[in-house]
PDB file of N, CA and C in Angstrom:
ATOM      1  N   PRO A   1       0.826  -1.198   0.000  1.00  0.00           N
ATOM      2  CA  PRO A   1       0.000   0.000   0.000  1.00  0.00           C
ATOM      3  C   PRO A   1       0.864   1.254   0.000  1.00  0.00           C
ATOM      4  N   MET A   2       0.347   2.283  -0.625  1.00  0.00           N
ATOM      5  CA  MET A   2       1.070   3.538  -0.712  1.00  0.00           C
ATOM      6  C   MET A   2       0.522   4.510   0.317  1.00  0.00           C
ATOM      7  N   ARG A   3       1.411   5.273   0.928  1.00  0.00           N
ATOM      8  CA  ARG A   3       0.954   6.265   1.878  1.00  0.00           C
ATOM      9  C   ARG A   3       0.291   7.414   1.153  1.00  0.00           C
ATOM     10  N   LEU A   4      -0.692   8.007   1.791  1.00  0.00           N
ATOM     11  CA  LEU A   4      -1.376   9.140   1.197  1.00  0.00           C
ATOM     12  C   LEU A   4      -0.388  10.260   0.959  1.00  0.00           C
ATOM     13  N   GLY A   5      -0.544  10.954  -0.130  1.00  0.00           N
ATOM     14  CA  GLY A   5       0.321  12.086  -0.428  1.00  0.00           C
ATOM     15  C   GLY A   5       1.576  11.693  -1.184  1.00  0.00           C
ATOM     16  N   MET A   6       1.826  10.405  -1.366  1.00  0.00           N
ATOM     17  CA  MET A   6       3.008   9.985  -2.123  1.00  0.00           C
ATOM     18  C   MET A   6       2.600   9.714  -3.557  1.00  0.00           C
ATOM     19  N   GLU A   7       3.401  10.157  -4.457  1.00  0.00           N
ATOM     20  CA  GLU A   7       3.173   9.846  -5.859  1.00  0.00           C
ATOM     21  C   GLU A   7       3.694   8.436  -6.118  1.00  0.00           C
ATOM     22  N   ALA A   8       3.118   7.763  -7.079  1.00  0.00           N
ATOM     23  CA  ALA A   8       3.532   6.398  -7.379  1.00  0.00           C
ATOM     24  C   ALA A   8       5.025   6.326  -7.694  1.00  0.00           C
ATOM     25  N   ALA A   9       5.560   7.315  -8.362  1.00  0.00           N
ATOM     26  CA  ALA A   9       6.974   7.316  -8.728  1.00  0.00           C
ATOM     27  C   ALA A   9       7.877   7.458  -7.501  1.00  0.00           C
ATOM     28  N   GLU A  10       7.370   8.045  -6.427  1.00  0.00           N
ATOM     29  CA  GLU A  10       8.178   8.266  -5.226  1.00  0.00           C
ATOM     30  C   GLU A  10       8.288   7.026  -4.352  1.00  0.00           C
ATOM     31  N   ALA A  11       7.282   6.185  -4.371  1.00  0.00           N
ATOM     32  CA  ALA A  11       7.241   5.054  -3.451  1.00  0.00           C
ATOM     33  C   ALA A  11       8.073   3.896  -3.995  1.00  0.00           C
ATOM     34  N   PRO A  12       9.155   3.528  -3.294  1.00  0.00           N
ATOM     35  CA  PRO A  12       9.945   2.397  -3.770  1.00  0.00           C
ATOM     36  C   PRO A  12       9.193   1.099  -3.517  1.00  0.00           C
ATOM     37  N   PRO A  13       9.293   0.138  -4.425  1.00  0.00           N
ATOM     38  CA  PRO A  13       8.630  -1.145  -4.189  1.00  0.00           C
ATOM     39  C   PRO A  13       9.193  -1.787  -2.929  1.00  0.00           C
ATOM     40  N   ALA A  14       8.340  -2.434  -2.154  1.00  0.00           N
ATOM     41  CA  ALA A  14       8.767  -3.031  -0.887  1.00  0.00           C
ATOM     42  C   ALA A  14       9.909  -4.024  -1.090  1.00  0.00           C
ATOM     43  N   SER A  15       9.909  -4.718  -2.226  1.00  0.00           N
ATOM     44  CA  SER A  15      10.932  -5.736  -2.457  1.00  0.00           C
ATOM     45  C   SER A  15      12.328  -5.134  -2.619  1.00  0.00           C
ATOM     46  N   THR A  16      12.429  -3.851  -2.956  1.00  0.00           N
ATOM     47  CA  THR A  16      13.743  -3.238  -3.124  1.00  0.00           C
ATOM     48  C   THR A  16      14.281  -2.672  -1.818  1.00  0.00           C
ATOM     49  N   LEU A  17      13.441  -2.570  -0.804  1.00  0.00           N
ATOM     50  CA  LEU A  17      13.880  -2.042   0.483  1.00  0.00           C
ATOM     51  C   LEU A  17      14.553  -3.145   1.297  1.00  0.00           C
ATOM     52  N   PRO A  18      15.593  -2.794   2.061  1.00  0.00           N
ATOM     53  CA  PRO A  18      16.220  -3.814   2.901  1.00  0.00           C
ATOM     54  C   PRO A  18      15.277  -4.254   4.020  1.00  0.00           C
ATOM     55  N   ARG A  19      15.430  -5.499   4.442  1.00  0.00           N
ATOM     56  CA  ARG A  19      14.617  -6.030   5.546  1.00  0.00           C
ATOM     57  C   ARG A  19      15.274  -5.645   6.872  1.00  0.00           C
ATOM     58  N   LYS A  20      14.456  -5.180   7.809  1.00  0.00           N
ATOM     59  CA  LYS A  20      14.945  -4.848   9.149  1.00  0.00           C
ATOM     60  C   LYS A  20      14.072  -5.604  10.145  1.00  0.00           C
ATOM     61  N   ASP A  21      14.690  -6.523  10.872  1.00  0.00           N
ATOM     62  CA  ASP A  21      13.937  -7.322  11.838  1.00  0.00           C
ATOM     63  C   ASP A  21      13.512  -6.478  13.031  1.00  0.00           C
ATOM     64  N   ILE A  22      12.287  -6.677  13.475  1.00  0.00           N
ATOM     65  CA  ILE A  22      11.771  -6.028  14.680  1.00  0.00           C
ATOM     66  C   ILE A  22      12.189  -6.903  15.858  1.00  0.00           C
ATOM     67  N   THR A  23      13.032  -6.361  16.721  1.00  0.00           N
ATOM     68  CA  THR A  23      13.532  -7.142  17.853  1.00  0.00           C
ATOM     69  C   THR A  23      13.072  -6.578  19.189  1.00  0.00           C
ATOM     70  N   ASN A  24      12.546  -5.360  19.173  1.00  0.00           N
ATOM     71  CA  ASN A  24      12.151  -4.702  20.413  1.00  0.00           C
ATOM     72  C   ASN A  24      10.629  -4.777  20.562  1.00  0.00           C
ATOM     73  N   TYR A  25      10.164  -5.809  21.249  1.00  0.00           N
ATOM     74  CA  TYR A  25       8.724  -5.986  21.472  1.00  0.00           C
ATOM     75  C   TYR A  25       8.524  -6.650  22.827  1.00  0.00           C
ATOM     76  N   SER A  26       7.302  -6.602  23.308  1.00  0.00           N
ATOM     77  CA  SER A  26       6.960  -7.293  24.552  1.00  0.00           C
ATOM     78  C   SER A  26       5.757  -8.189  24.276  1.00  0.00           C
ATOM     79  N   TRP A  27       5.490  -9.097  25.181  1.00  0.00           N
ATOM     80  CA  TRP A  27       4.337  -9.978  25.003  1.00  0.00           C
ATOM     81  C   TRP A  27       3.758 -10.333  26.367  1.00  0.00           C
ATOM     82  N   VAL A  28       2.509 -10.749  26.356  1.00  0.00           N
ATOM     83  CA  VAL A  28       1.836 -11.128  27.596  1.00  0.00           C
ATOM     84  C   VAL A  28       0.806 -12.223  27.294  1.00  0.00           C
ATOM     85  N   ASP A  29       0.743 -13.202  28.199  1.00  0.00           N
ATOM     86  CA  ASP A  29      -0.299 -14.225  28.142  1.00  0.00           C
ATOM     87  C   ASP A  29      -1.517 -13.561  28.768  1.00  0.00           C
ATOM     88  N   GLU A  30      -2.306 -12.881  27.916  1.00  0.00           N
ATOM     89  CA  GLU A  30      -3.289 -11.924  28.406  1.00  0.00           C
ATOM     90  C   GLU A  30      -4.539 -12.534  29.040  1.00  0.00           C
ATOM     91  N   SER A  31      -4.991 -13.643  28.499  1.00  0.00           N
ATOM     92  CA  SER A  31      -6.258 -14.188  28.986  1.00  0.00           C
ATOM     93  C   SER A  31      -6.323 -15.681  28.697  1.00  0.00           C
ATOM     94  N   ARG A  32      -7.459 -16.256  28.972  1.00  0.00           N
ATOM     95  CA  ARG A  32      -7.664 -17.678  28.684  1.00  0.00           C
ATOM     96  C   ARG A  32      -7.522 -17.973  27.197  1.00  0.00           C
ATOM     97  N   ARG A  33      -7.836 -16.965  26.370  1.00  0.00           N
ATOM     98  CA  ARG A  33      -7.908 -17.216  24.928  1.00  0.00           C
ATOM     99  C   ARG A  33      -6.840 -16.539  24.087  1.00  0.00           C
ATOM    100  N   PHE A  34      -6.167 -15.501  24.605  1.00  0.00           N
ATOM    101  CA  PHE A  34      -5.247 -14.733  23.764  1.00  0.00           C
ATOM    102  C   PHE A  34      -3.886 -14.488  24.400  1.00  0.00           C
ATOM    103  N   VAL A  35      -2.882 -14.483  23.541  1.00  0.00           N
ATOM    104  CA  VAL A  35      -1.547 -13.989  23.870  1.00  0.00           C
ATOM    105  C   VAL A  35      -1.372 -12.750  23.008  1.00  0.00           C
ATOM    106  N   LYS A  36      -0.806 -11.683  23.575  1.00  0.00           N
ATOM    107  CA  LYS A  36      -0.628 -10.456  22.798  1.00  0.00           C
ATOM    108  C   LYS A  36       0.839 -10.056  22.744  1.00  0.00           C
ATOM    109  N   ILE A  37       1.214  -9.539  21.574  1.00  0.00           N
ATOM    110  CA  ILE A  37       2.555  -8.999  21.346  1.00  0.00           C
ATOM    111  C   ILE A  37       2.384  -7.509  21.113  1.00  0.00           C
ATOM    112  N   TYR A  38       3.244  -6.710  21.764  1.00  0.00           N
ATOM    113  CA  TYR A  38       3.169  -5.255  21.629  1.00  0.00           C
ATOM    114  C   TYR A  38       4.469  -4.708  21.054  1.00  0.00           C
ATOM    115  N   ILE A  39       4.336  -3.862  20.045  1.00  0.00           N
ATOM    116  CA  ILE A  39       5.463  -3.121  19.482  1.00  0.00           C
ATOM    117  C   ILE A  39       5.133  -1.659  19.735  1.00  0.00           C
ATOM    118  N   THR A  40       5.928  -0.994  20.574  1.00  0.00           N
ATOM    119  CA  THR A  40       5.598   0.372  20.993  1.00  0.00           C
ATOM    120  C   THR A  40       6.420   1.423  20.264  1.00  0.00           C
ATOM    121  N   ALA A  41       5.908   2.651  20.273  1.00  0.00           N
ATOM    122  CA  ALA A  41       6.606   3.781  19.658  1.00  0.00           C
ATOM    123  C   ALA A  41       7.913   4.058  20.388  1.00  0.00           C
ATOM    124  N   GLU A  42       7.958   3.803  21.693  1.00  0.00           N
ATOM    125  CA  GLU A  42       9.196   4.024  22.446  1.00  0.00           C
ATOM    126  C   GLU A  42      10.285   3.063  21.987  1.00  0.00           C
ATOM    127  N   GLY A  43       9.918   1.811  21.739  1.00  0.00           N
ATOM    128  CA  GLY A  43      10.900   0.798  21.368  1.00  0.00           C
ATOM    129  C   GLY A  43      11.221   0.742  19.889  1.00  0.00           C
ATOM    130  N   GLU A  44      10.236   0.962  19.047  1.00  0.00           N
ATOM    131  CA  GLU A  44      10.395   0.865  17.589  1.00  0.00           C
ATOM    132  C   GLU A  44       9.663   2.025  16.918  1.00  0.00           C
ATOM    133  N   PRO A  45      10.166   3.263  17.077  1.00  0.00           N
ATOM    134  CA  PRO A  45       9.439   4.424  16.540  1.00  0.00           C
ATOM    135  C   PRO A  45       9.208   4.383  15.027  1.00  0.00           C
ATOM    136  N   ALA A  46      10.187   3.920  14.249  1.00  0.00           N
ATOM    137  CA  ALA A  46      10.030   3.878  12.788  1.00  0.00           C
ATOM    138  C   ALA A  46       8.943   2.888  12.381  1.00  0.00           C
ATOM    139  N   VAL A  47       8.832   1.793  13.111  1.00  0.00           N
ATOM    140  CA  VAL A  47       7.827   0.767  12.809  1.00  0.00           C
ATOM    141  C   VAL A  47       6.429   1.313  13.063  1.00  0.00           C
ATOM    142  N   VAL A  48       6.234   1.913  14.232  1.00  0.00           N
ATOM    143  CA  VAL A  48       4.915   2.433  14.595  1.00  0.00           C
ATOM    144  C   VAL A  48       4.512   3.558  13.647  1.00  0.00           C
ATOM    145  N   LYS A  49       5.464   4.402  13.276  1.00  0.00           N
ATOM    146  CA  LYS A  49       5.176   5.495  12.339  1.00  0.00           C
ATOM    147  C   LYS A  49       4.752   4.947  10.972  1.00  0.00           C
ATOM    148  N   ALA A  50       5.429   3.898  10.506  1.00  0.00           N
ATOM    149  CA  ALA A  50       5.145   3.330   9.185  1.00  0.00           C
ATOM    150  C   ALA A  50       3.866   2.496   9.159  1.00  0.00           C
ATOM    151  N   ALA A  51       3.342   2.126  10.334  1.00  0.00           N
ATOM    152  CA  ALA A  51       2.201   1.204  10.400  1.00  0.00           C
ATOM    153  C   ALA A  51       0.873   1.825   9.995  1.00  0.00           C
ATOM    154  N   GLY A  52       0.813   3.152   9.906  1.00  0.00           N
ATOM    155  CA  GLY A  52      -0.429   3.799   9.508  1.00  0.00           C
ATOM    156  C   GLY A  52      -1.344   4.041  10.695  1.00  0.00           C
ATOM    157  N   THR A  53      -2.645   3.948  10.438  1.00  0.00           N
ATOM    158  CA  THR A  53      -3.650   4.221  11.464  1.00  0.00           C
ATOM    159  C   THR A  53      -4.606   3.035  11.580  1.00  0.00           C
ATOM    160  N   ALA A  54      -5.471   3.064  12.580  1.00  0.00           N
ATOM    161  CA  ALA A  54      -6.464   1.998  12.741  1.00  0.00           C
ATOM    162  C   ALA A  54      -7.377   1.937  11.519  1.00  0.00           C
ATOM    163  N   GLU A  55      -7.712   3.120  10.972  1.00  0.00           N
ATOM    164  CA  GLU A  55      -8.605   3.177   9.812  1.00  0.00           C
ATOM    165  C   GLU A  55      -7.888   2.772   8.525  1.00  0.00           C
ATOM    166  N   GLN A  56      -6.596   3.093   8.433  1.00  0.00           N
ATOM    167  CA  GLN A  56      -5.817   2.757   7.238  1.00  0.00           C
ATOM    168  C   GLN A  56      -4.487   2.127   7.637  1.00  0.00           C
ATOM    169  N   PRO A  57      -4.532   0.888   8.140  1.00  0.00           N
ATOM    170  CA  PRO A  57      -3.283   0.234   8.535  1.00  0.00           C
ATOM    171  C   PRO A  57      -2.448  -0.142   7.309  1.00  0.00           C
ATOM    172  N   LEU A  58      -1.138  -0.024   7.451  1.00  0.00           N
ATOM    173  CA  LEU A  58      -0.221  -0.384   6.373  1.00  0.00           C
ATOM    174  C   LEU A  58       0.573  -1.619   6.790  1.00  0.00           C
ATOM    175  N   VAL A  59      -0.111  -2.542   7.420  1.00  0.00           N
ATOM    176  CA  VAL A  59       0.514  -3.726   7.998  1.00  0.00           C
ATOM    177  C   VAL A  59      -0.005  -4.964   7.278  1.00  0.00           C
ATOM    178  N   GLN A  60       0.912  -5.887   6.969  1.00  0.00           N
ATOM    179  CA  GLN A  60       0.523  -7.173   6.410  1.00  0.00           C
ATOM    180  C   GLN A  60       0.875  -8.230   7.444  1.00  0.00           C
ATOM    181  N   ALA A  61      -0.039  -9.158   7.685  1.00  0.00           N
ATOM    182  CA  ALA A  61       0.222 -10.200   8.677  1.00  0.00           C
ATOM    183  C   ALA A  61      -0.126 -11.561   8.107  1.00  0.00           C
ATOM    184  N   GLU A  62       0.715 -12.527   8.424  1.00  0.00           N
ATOM    185  CA  GLU A  62       0.484 -13.908   8.009  1.00  0.00           C
ATOM    186  C   GLU A  62       0.636 -14.784   9.248  1.00  0.00           C
ATOM    187  N   PHE A  63      -0.391 -15.565   9.531  1.00  0.00           N
ATOM    188  CA  PHE A  63      -0.376 -16.431  10.705  1.00  0.00           C
ATOM    189  C   PHE A  63      -0.483 -17.886  10.267  1.00  0.00           C
ATOM    190  N   LYS A  64       0.314 -18.751  10.874  1.00  0.00           N
ATOM    191  CA  LYS A  64       0.254 -20.197  10.661  1.00  0.00           C
ATOM    192  C   LYS A  64       0.078 -20.839  12.035  1.00  0.00           C
ATOM    193  N   GLU A  65      -0.014 -22.163  12.075  1.00  0.00           N
ATOM    194  CA  GLU A  65      -0.317 -22.860  13.328  1.00  0.00           C
ATOM    195  C   GLU A  65       0.666 -22.537  14.460  1.00  0.00           C
ATOM    196  N   GLN A  66       1.969 -22.427  14.151  1.00  0.00           N
ATOM    197  CA  GLN A  66       2.948 -22.105  15.192  1.00  0.00           C
ATOM    198  C   GLN A  66       3.948 -21.055  14.719  1.00  0.00           C
ATOM    199  N   ARG A  67       3.491 -20.159  13.842  1.00  0.00           N
ATOM    200  CA  ARG A  67       4.389 -19.108  13.368  1.00  0.00           C
ATOM    201  C   ARG A  67       3.600 -17.879  12.973  1.00  0.00           C
ATOM    202  N   LEU A  68       4.319 -16.766  12.903  1.00  0.00           N
ATOM    203  CA  LEU A  68       3.684 -15.533  12.450  1.00  0.00           C
ATOM    204  C   LEU A  68       4.711 -14.662  11.745  1.00  0.00           C
ATOM    205  N   MET A  69       4.228 -13.835  10.833  1.00  0.00           N
ATOM    206  CA  MET A  69       5.065 -12.840  10.182  1.00  0.00           C
ATOM    207  C   MET A  69       4.232 -11.579  10.004  1.00  0.00           C
ATOM    208  N   VAL A  70       4.725 -10.478  10.577  1.00  0.00           N
ATOM    209  CA  VAL A  70       4.086  -9.176  10.441  1.00  0.00           C
ATOM    210  C   VAL A  70       5.061  -8.302   9.669  1.00  0.00           C
ATOM    211  N   THR A  71       4.589  -7.700   8.576  1.00  0.00           N
ATOM    212  CA  THR A  71       5.439  -6.898   7.702  1.00  0.00           C
ATOM    213  C   THR A  71       4.884  -5.488   7.589  1.00  0.00           C
ATOM    214  N   ILE A  72       5.773  -4.500   7.769  1.00  0.00           N
ATOM    215  CA  ILE A  72       5.392  -3.093   7.671  1.00  0.00           C
ATOM    216  C   ILE A  72       6.371  -2.405   6.728  1.00  0.00           C
ATOM    217  N   PRO A  73       5.914  -1.992   5.528  1.00  0.00           N
ATOM    218  CA  PRO A  73       6.821  -1.293   4.615  1.00  0.00           C
ATOM    219  C   PRO A  73       7.074   0.133   5.092  1.00  0.00           C
ATOM    220  N   GLY A  74       8.326   0.452   5.383  1.00  0.00           N
ATOM    221  CA  GLY A  74       8.689   1.792   5.831  1.00  0.00           C
ATOM    222  C   GLY A  74       9.330   2.589   4.713  1.00  0.00           C
ATOM    223  N   GLU A  75       9.821   3.777   5.036  1.00  0.00           N
ATOM    224  CA  GLU A  75      10.453   4.630   4.031  1.00  0.00           C
ATOM    225  C   GLU A  75      11.811   4.101   3.603  1.00  0.00           C
ATOM    226  N   THR A  76      12.584   3.551   4.549  1.00  0.00           N
ATOM    227  CA  THR A  76      13.945   3.116   4.234  1.00  0.00           C
ATOM    228  C   THR A  76      14.154   1.613   4.391  1.00  0.00           C
ATOM    229  N   ALA A  77      13.183   0.921   4.966  1.00  0.00           N
ATOM    230  CA  ALA A  77      13.315  -0.522   5.174  1.00  0.00           C
ATOM    231  C   ALA A  77      11.937  -1.153   5.310  1.00  0.00           C
ATOM    232  N   THR A  78      11.882  -2.449   5.050  1.00  0.00           N
ATOM    233  CA  THR A  78      10.676  -3.221   5.318  1.00  0.00           C
ATOM    234  C   THR A  78      10.875  -3.867   6.684  1.00  0.00           C
ATOM    235  N   HIS A  79      10.055  -3.459   7.643  1.00  0.00           N
ATOM    236  CA  HIS A  79      10.176  -3.941   9.018  1.00  0.00           C
ATOM    237  C   HIS A  79       9.422  -5.264   9.151  1.00  0.00           C
ATOM    238  N   VAL A  80      10.072  -6.252   9.769  1.00  0.00           N
ATOM    239  CA  VAL A  80       9.482  -7.587   9.848  1.00  0.00           C
ATOM    240  C   VAL A  80       9.609  -8.158  11.262  1.00  0.00           C
ATOM    241  N   LEU A  81       8.483  -8.620  11.789  1.00  0.00           N
ATOM    242  CA  LEU A  81       8.480  -9.416  13.012  1.00  0.00           C
ATOM    243  C   LEU A  81       8.140 -10.831  12.570  1.00  0.00           C
ATOM    244  N   ALA A  82       9.115 -11.729  12.661  1.00  0.00           N
ATOM    245  CA  ALA A  82       8.911 -13.111  12.233  1.00  0.00           C
ATOM    246  C   ALA A  82       9.256 -14.041  13.387  1.00  0.00           C
ATOM    247  N   ILE A  83       8.304 -14.862  13.779  1.00  0.00           N
ATOM    248  CA  ILE A  83       8.530 -15.874  14.810  1.00  0.00           C
ATOM    249  C   ILE A  83       8.114 -17.208  14.197  1.00  0.00           C
ATOM    250  N   ASP A  84       9.090 -18.107  14.049  1.00  0.00           N
ATOM    251  CA  ASP A  84       8.851 -19.366  13.350  1.00  0.00           C
ATOM    252  C   ASP A  84       8.511 -20.538  14.258  1.00  0.00           C
ATOM    253  N   ASP A  85       8.655 -20.360  15.560  1.00  0.00           N
ATOM    254  CA  ASP A  85       8.417 -21.488  16.458  1.00  0.00           C
ATOM    255  C   ASP A  85       7.779 -21.027  17.762  1.00  0.00           C
ATOM    256  N   LEU A  86       6.494 -20.689  17.657  1.00  0.00           N
ATOM    257  CA  LEU A  86       5.745 -20.287  18.851  1.00  0.00           C
ATOM    258  C   LEU A  86       5.685 -21.442  19.847  1.00  0.00           C
ATOM    259  N   GLU A  87       5.650 -21.103  21.118  1.00  0.00           N
ATOM    260  CA  GLU A  87       5.614 -22.113  22.189  1.00  0.00           C
ATOM    261  C   GLU A  87       4.422 -23.065  22.042  1.00  0.00           C
ATOM    262  N   HIS A  88       3.254 -22.528  21.666  1.00  0.00           N
ATOM    263  CA  HIS A  88       2.044 -23.337  21.513  1.00  0.00           C
ATOM    264  C   HIS A  88       1.371 -23.013  20.180  1.00  0.00           C
ATOM    265  N   LYS A  89       0.362 -23.799  19.837  1.00  0.00           N
ATOM    266  CA  LYS A  89      -0.367 -23.586  18.585  1.00  0.00           C
ATOM    267  C   LYS A  89      -1.377 -22.455  18.734  1.00  0.00           C
ATOM    268  N   ILE A  90      -1.626 -21.777  17.604  1.00  0.00           N
ATOM    269  CA  ILE A  90      -2.608 -20.691  17.551  1.00  0.00           C
ATOM    270  C   ILE A  90      -3.663 -21.016  16.497  1.00  0.00           C
ATOM    271  N   VAL A  91      -4.725 -20.223  16.469  1.00  0.00           N
ATOM    272  CA  VAL A  91      -5.785 -20.358  15.466  1.00  0.00           C
ATOM    273  C   VAL A  91      -5.581 -19.211  14.467  1.00  0.00           C
ATOM    274  N   PRO A  92      -4.906 -19.465  13.337  1.00  0.00           N
ATOM    275  CA  PRO A  92      -4.542 -18.381  12.420  1.00  0.00           C
ATOM    276  C   PRO A  92      -5.706 -17.496  11.986  1.00  0.00           C
ATOM    277  N   ALA A  93      -6.864 -18.073  11.720  1.00  0.00           N
ATOM    278  CA  ALA A  93      -8.002 -17.290  11.222  1.00  0.00           C
ATOM    279  C   ALA A  93      -8.527 -16.295  12.253  1.00  0.00           C
ATOM    280  N   GLU A  94      -8.203 -16.498  13.532  1.00  0.00           N
ATOM    281  CA  GLU A  94      -8.719 -15.622  14.583  1.00  0.00           C
ATOM    282  C   GLU A  94      -7.641 -14.723  15.200  1.00  0.00           C
ATOM    283  N   CYS A  95      -6.481 -14.666  14.553  1.00  0.00           N
ATOM    284  CA  CYS A  95      -5.408 -13.773  15.002  1.00  0.00           C
ATOM    285  C   CYS A  95      -5.524 -12.464  14.235  1.00  0.00           C
ATOM    286  N   LYS A  96      -5.083 -11.360  14.861  1.00  0.00           N
ATOM    287  CA  LYS A  96      -5.197 -10.078  14.169  1.00  0.00           C
ATOM    288  C   LYS A  96      -4.167  -9.082  14.686  1.00  0.00           C
ATOM    289  N   VAL A  97      -3.988  -8.021  13.890  1.00  0.00           N
ATOM    290  CA  VAL A  97      -3.086  -6.927  14.250  1.00  0.00           C
ATOM    291  C   VAL A  97      -3.913  -5.661  14.351  1.00  0.00           C
ATOM    292  N   LYS A  98      -3.676  -4.894  15.403  1.00  0.00           N
ATOM    293  CA  LYS A  98      -4.376  -3.621  15.597  1.00  0.00           C
ATOM    294  C   LYS A  98      -3.333  -2.508  15.661  1.00  0.00           C
ATOM    295  N   VAL A  99      -3.596  -1.423  14.929  1.00  0.00           N
ATOM    296  CA  VAL A  99      -2.709  -0.258  14.937  1.00  0.00           C
ATOM    297  C   VAL A  99      -3.327   0.830  15.805  1.00  0.00           C
ATOM    298  N   SER A 100      -2.565   1.304  16.779  1.00  0.00           N
ATOM    299  CA  SER A 100      -2.932   2.494  17.554  1.00  0.00           C
ATOM    300  C   SER A 100      -1.973   3.578  17.082  1.00  0.00           C
ATOM    301  N   ALA A 101      -2.439   4.430  16.166  1.00  0.00           N
ATOM    302  CA  ALA A 101      -1.583   5.396  15.474  1.00  0.00           C
ATOM    303  C   ALA A 101      -0.690   6.170  16.433  1.00  0.00           C
ATOM    304  N   GLY A 102       0.606   6.152  16.126  1.00  0.00           N
ATOM    305  CA  GLY A 102       1.574   6.902  16.909  1.00  0.00           C
ATOM    306  C   GLY A 102       1.922   6.290  18.253  1.00  0.00           C
ATOM    307  N   LYS A 103       1.255   5.199  18.630  1.00  0.00           N
ATOM    308  CA  LYS A 103       1.476   4.604  19.955  1.00  0.00           C
ATOM    309  C   LYS A 103       2.067   3.206  19.893  1.00  0.00           C
ATOM    310  N   ARG A 104       1.342   2.283  19.228  1.00  0.00           N
ATOM    311  CA  ARG A 104       1.814   0.903  19.205  1.00  0.00           C
ATOM    312  C   ARG A 104       1.065   0.057  18.190  1.00  0.00           C
ATOM    313  N   LEU A 105       1.614  -1.130  17.957  1.00  0.00           N
ATOM    314  CA  LEU A 105       0.958  -2.194  17.214  1.00  0.00           C
ATOM    315  C   LEU A 105       0.690  -3.305  18.217  1.00  0.00           C
ATOM    316  N   SER A 106      -0.483  -3.888  18.153  1.00  0.00           N
ATOM    317  CA  SER A 106      -0.831  -5.016  19.020  1.00  0.00           C
ATOM    318  C   SER A 106      -1.138  -6.210  18.129  1.00  0.00           C
ATOM    319  N   VAL A 107      -0.477  -7.324  18.393  1.00  0.00           N
ATOM    320  CA  VAL A 107      -0.724  -8.556  17.652  1.00  0.00           C
ATOM    321  C   VAL A 107      -1.419  -9.516  18.612  1.00  0.00           C
ATOM    322  N   ALA A 108      -2.660  -9.879  18.300  1.00  0.00           N
ATOM    323  CA  ALA A 108      -3.433 -10.793  19.147  1.00  0.00           C
ATOM    324  C   ALA A 108      -3.367 -12.194  18.547  1.00  0.00           C
ATOM    325  N   LEU A 109      -2.834 -13.131  19.324  1.00  0.00           N
ATOM    326  CA  LEU A 109      -2.734 -14.524  18.898  1.00  0.00           C
ATOM    327  C   LEU A 109      -3.788 -15.335  19.644  1.00  0.00           C
ATOM    328  N   LYS A 110      -4.706 -15.931  18.903  1.00  0.00           N
ATOM    329  CA  LYS A 110      -5.768 -16.756  19.500  1.00  0.00           C
ATOM    330  C   LYS A 110      -5.189 -18.125  19.831  1.00  0.00           C
ATOM    331  N   LYS A 111      -5.247 -18.498  21.093  1.00  0.00           N
ATOM    332  CA  LYS A 111      -4.724 -19.787  21.535  1.00  0.00           C
ATOM    333  C   LYS A 111      -5.555 -20.925  20.942  1.00  0.00           C
ATOM    334  N   ALA A 112      -4.897 -21.944  20.427  1.00  0.00           N
ATOM    335  CA  ALA A 112      -5.612 -23.118  19.931  1.00  0.00           C
ATOM    336  C   ALA A 112      -6.204 -23.889  21.104  1.00  0.00           C
ATOM    337  N   GLU A 113      -5.506 -23.858  22.244  1.00  0.00           N
ATOM    338  CA  GLU A 113      -5.975 -24.554  23.440  1.00  0.00           C
ATOM    339  C   GLU A 113      -6.273 -23.517  24.514  1.00  0.00           C
ATOM    340  N   GLU A 114      -7.554 -23.240  24.719  1.00  0.00           N
ATOM    341  CA  GLU A 114      -7.934 -22.254  25.739  1.00  0.00           C
ATOM    342  C   GLU A 114      -7.447 -22.705  27.107  1.00  0.00           C
ATOM    343  N   ASP A 115      -7.152 -21.741  27.952  1.00  0.00           N
ATOM    344  CA  ASP A 115      -6.669 -21.977  29.310  1.00  0.00           C
ATOM    345  C   ASP A 115      -5.234 -22.499  29.370  1.00  0.00           C
ATOM    346  N   SER A 116      -4.578 -22.656  28.215  1.00  0.00           N
ATOM    347  CA  SER A 116      -3.174 -23.072  28.269  1.00  0.00           C
ATOM    348  C   SER A 116      -2.339 -21.889  28.742  1.00  0.00           C
ATOM    349  N   LEU A 117      -1.306 -22.180  29.511  1.00  0.00           N
ATOM    350  CA  LEU A 117      -0.439 -21.138  30.043  1.00  0.00           C
ATOM    351  C   LEU A 117       0.824 -21.071  29.197  1.00  0.00           C
ATOM    352  N   TRP A 118       1.112 -19.899  28.663  1.00  0.00           N
ATOM    353  CA  TRP A 118       2.319 -19.696  27.870  1.00  0.00           C
ATOM    354  C   TRP A 118       3.388 -19.119  28.795  1.00  0.00           C
ATOM    355  N   ASN A 119       4.416 -19.904  29.100  1.00  0.00           N
ATOM    356  CA  ASN A 119       5.522 -19.414  29.914  1.00  0.00           C
ATOM    357  C   ASN A 119       6.531 -18.657  29.067  1.00  0.00           C
ATOM    358  N   THR A 120       6.623 -19.045  27.806  1.00  0.00           N
ATOM    359  CA  THR A 120       7.499 -18.355  26.862  1.00  0.00           C
ATOM    360  C   THR A 120       6.729 -18.163  25.564  1.00  0.00           C
ATOM    361  N   LEU A 121       7.172 -17.210  24.762  1.00  0.00           N
ATOM    362  CA  LEU A 121       6.531 -16.970  23.471  1.00  0.00           C
ATOM    363  C   LEU A 121       7.096 -17.907  22.414  1.00  0.00           C
ATOM    364  N   VAL A 122       8.417 -18.076  22.452  1.00  0.00           N
ATOM    365  CA  VAL A 122       9.117 -18.879  21.454  1.00  0.00           C
ATOM    366  C   VAL A 122       9.522 -20.208  22.080  1.00  0.00           C
ATOM    367  N   CYS A 123       9.321 -21.272  21.327  1.00  0.00           N
ATOM    368  CA  CYS A 123       9.655 -22.613  21.799  1.00  0.00           C
ATOM    369  C   CYS A 123      11.160 -22.723  22.048  1.00  0.00           C
ATOM    370  N   ARG A 124      11.524 -23.218  23.213  1.00  0.00           N
ATOM    371  CA  ARG A 124      12.951 -23.432  23.525  1.00  0.00           C
ATOM    372  C   ARG A 124      13.423 -24.681  22.809  1.00  0.00           C
ATOM    373  N   LYS A 125      14.605 -24.580  22.220  1.00  0.00           N
ATOM    374  CA  LYS A 125      15.127 -25.745  21.480  1.00  0.00           C
ATOM    375  C   LYS A 125      16.193 -26.442  22.279  1.00  0.00           C
TER     376      LYS A 125
END
């Protein structure tokens, strides 16, 4: 997606931008049904700025049974949060990303097994 006010010629294709991994995030086993991941403006200001707004999010998310990838095309890099080995299984169709403009991104992961306790986000190998 292109940001408002940018001409098509100005916006570089996402594939030509370097990938920058999002490493500064927090998570919480929030409830019986959800685990949430938070990316804040304090920790990742460029990511939150590039994410857009709740009404016009510029975020792409892909969820699988035990993995996720959230991609945000920025001005100088494509920001990526990729976790390939979640501690437990999730329900991909019921996971979502919410943008709070200028504040944070929230990634809600629907637990496949309700009431399961997540001690870690990523499976220990």
